[in-house]
Amino acid sequence: MDRRRFLATAGAAASLSLAGCAAVLPGSSGDDYDVGMTAEAFRPYEITVSVGDTVVWENTSTRSHSVTAYEDQIPENADYFATGGYDSEAAAVDAWDGKRGAISANERFEHTFEVPGDYTYYCIPHEQAGMVGVVRVEK
């Protein structure tokens, strides 16, 4: 077999063997969410959107998670956001019991960002493991 034929055959075989893999990676084409939640991380860690865009988080793991904004790490005049619809970080943390405010496997949460700036958020039960993310909102 000549070198060109070998390379063409090997490349085609590699492409076919990896064809289904892209659909399981958050942010890859075919996903209809923006941020996935693994066992102890948001993927991607940081996302940049425009004012007026809606970000969709999906729990892609089997653990329960939350999306909870750090109240002191969002822009002034921005709407607070947390799964469970809480109006403050304290209320979200106080209510957390693994069910209230939780996103279970394959469930989603979304929030529309109207004020430019950086929004840092975390998962209540996995914050100590470093499950933190950032939404950067640009004009």
Protein backbone atom coordinates (compact mmCIF):
# COMPACT_ATOMS: atom_id res chain seq x y z
CA MET A 1 0.00 0.00 0.00
CA ASP A 2 1.45 3.37 -0.91
CA ARG A 3 1.82 6.14 1.65
CA ARG A 4 -1.03 8.35 0.33
CA ARG A 5 -3.55 5.51 0.33
CA PHE A 6 -2.46 4.50 3.85
CA LEU A 7 -2.84 8.07 5.17
CA ALA A 8 -6.24 8.50 3.53
CA THR A 9 -7.47 5.19 4.95
CA ALA A 10 -6.08 5.87 8.43
CA GLY A 11 -7.55 9.39 8.48
CA ALA A 12 -10.98 8.14 7.44
CA ALA A 13 -10.90 5.39 10.07
CA ALA A 14 -9.91 7.86 12.80
CA SER A 15 -12.67 10.28 11.77
CA LEU A 16 -15.30 7.54 11.87
CA SER A 17 -14.16 6.23 15.24
CA LEU A 18 -14.36 9.73 16.78
CA ALA A 19 -17.53 10.89 15.02
CA GLY A 20 -19.84 10.37 18.00
CA CYS A 21 -17.47 11.81 20.61
CA ALA A 22 -18.05 15.51 19.96
CA ALA A 23 -21.69 15.36 21.03
CA VAL A 24 -20.74 14.58 24.63
CA LEU A 25 -18.50 17.60 25.14
CA PRO A 26 -20.18 20.77 26.46
CA GLY A 27 -19.93 23.61 24.00
CA SER A 28 -19.47 21.32 20.99
CA SER A 29 -21.75 21.58 18.00
CA GLY A 30 -25.03 19.78 18.56
CA ASP A 31 -25.35 20.80 22.23
CA ASP A 32 -28.28 23.00 23.06
CA TYR A 33 -26.88 24.33 26.32
CA ASP A 34 -24.02 26.72 27.04
CA VAL A 35 -22.52 25.39 30.28
CA GLY A 36 -22.45 21.76 31.38
CA MET A 37 -22.05 20.56 34.94
CA THR A 38 -19.68 17.67 35.58
CA ALA A 39 -19.22 16.00 38.98
CA GLU A 40 -17.38 19.03 40.40
CA ALA A 41 -16.93 21.60 37.61
CA PHE A 42 -18.74 23.91 35.25
CA ARG A 43 -17.66 23.34 31.63
CA PRO A 44 -16.60 25.73 30.31
CA TYR A 45 -15.39 27.57 33.40
CA GLU A 46 -15.86 30.95 31.68
CA ILE A 47 -18.28 31.97 28.94
CA THR A 48 -18.59 35.32 27.15
CA VAL A 49 -21.99 36.51 25.93
CA SER A 50 -23.60 39.76 24.81
CA VAL A 51 -26.05 41.92 26.76
CA GLY A 52 -29.52 40.38 26.35
CA ASP A 53 -28.24 36.82 25.81
CA THR A 54 -29.63 33.91 27.78
CA VAL A 55 -27.20 31.35 29.19
CA VAL A 56 -28.43 27.78 29.62
CA TRP A 57 -26.78 25.46 32.15
CA GLU A 58 -27.43 21.71 31.98
CA ASN A 59 -26.56 19.15 34.62
CA THR A 60 -24.57 16.63 32.60
CA SER A 61 -23.64 14.57 35.67
CA THR A 62 -25.54 12.34 38.07
CA ARG A 63 -25.00 14.62 41.09
CA SER A 64 -27.36 17.40 42.13
CA HIS A 65 -25.97 20.91 41.55
CA SER A 66 -26.93 24.54 41.90
CA VAL A 67 -26.12 27.70 39.98
CA THR A 68 -25.77 30.38 42.66
CA ALA A 69 -24.40 33.86 41.98
CA TYR A 70 -21.98 35.35 44.45
CA GLU A 71 -24.02 38.38 45.39
CA ASP A 72 -20.93 40.57 45.77
CA GLN A 73 -19.42 39.37 42.47
CA ILE A 74 -22.07 40.52 40.00
CA PRO A 75 -22.35 44.01 38.48
CA GLU A 76 -24.18 46.72 40.38
CA ASN A 77 -27.83 46.96 39.25
CA ALA A 78 -27.73 43.41 37.82
CA ASP A 79 -30.51 40.96 38.62
CA TYR A 80 -29.46 38.31 41.13
CA PHE A 81 -29.78 34.72 39.91
CA ALA A 82 -29.86 31.32 41.57
CA THR A 83 -31.53 28.02 40.87
CA GLY A 84 -34.73 27.82 42.86
CA GLY A 85 -35.53 31.46 42.04
CA TYR A 86 -34.02 32.89 45.22
CA ASP A 87 -33.58 36.66 45.48
CA SER A 88 -30.31 36.53 47.41
CA GLU A 89 -27.30 34.33 47.98
CA ALA A 90 -28.17 33.98 51.67
CA ALA A 91 -31.67 32.75 50.83
CA ALA A 92 -30.31 30.20 48.34
CA VAL A 93 -27.73 28.88 50.81
CA ASP A 94 -30.20 28.78 53.71
CA ALA A 95 -32.75 26.84 51.64
CA TRP A 96 -30.24 24.31 50.22
CA ASP A 97 -31.04 20.80 51.36
CA GLY A 98 -30.08 18.91 48.20
CA LYS A 99 -33.59 19.30 46.77
CA ARG A 100 -34.66 22.95 47.01
CA GLY A 101 -32.75 24.87 44.37
CA ALA A 102 -31.14 21.70 43.02
CA ILE A 103 -30.71 20.81 39.38
CA SER A 104 -30.83 17.05 38.96
CA ALA A 105 -29.28 15.05 36.13
CA ASN A 106 -30.29 16.34 32.67
CA GLU A 107 -32.22 19.30 34.11
CA ARG A 108 -31.58 22.89 33.08
CA PHE A 109 -31.44 26.40 34.41
CA GLU A 110 -31.29 29.59 32.38
CA HIS A 111 -30.75 33.27 33.03
CA THR A 112 -30.81 36.30 30.75
CA PHE A 113 -28.05 38.86 31.33
CA GLU A 114 -29.03 42.50 30.86
CA VAL A 115 -26.11 44.35 32.50
CA PRO A 116 -22.53 44.15 31.15
CA GLY A 117 -19.78 42.89 33.44
CA ASP A 118 -18.49 39.72 35.07
CA TYR A 119 -20.79 37.42 37.01
CA THR A 120 -19.12 34.82 39.23
CA TYR A 121 -21.27 31.91 40.41
CA TYR A 122 -20.84 28.57 42.16
CA CYS A 123 -22.49 25.28 43.05
CA ILE A 124 -23.51 25.26 46.71
CA PRO A 125 -22.64 21.61 47.52
CA HIS A 126 -19.42 21.60 45.46
CA GLU A 127 -18.01 25.07 46.11
CA GLN A 128 -15.25 23.67 48.34
CA ALA A 129 -14.20 21.39 45.46
CA GLY A 130 -13.79 24.47 43.26
CA MET A 131 -17.05 24.32 41.29
CA VAL A 132 -17.11 27.97 40.30
CA GLY A 133 -17.77 29.66 36.95
CA VAL A 134 -17.83 33.07 35.30
CA VAL A 135 -20.19 34.64 32.79
CA ARG A 136 -18.63 37.67 31.09
CA VAL A 137 -21.28 39.91 29.54
CA GLU A 138 -20.17 42.40 26.89
CA LYS A 139 -22.02 45.23 25.15
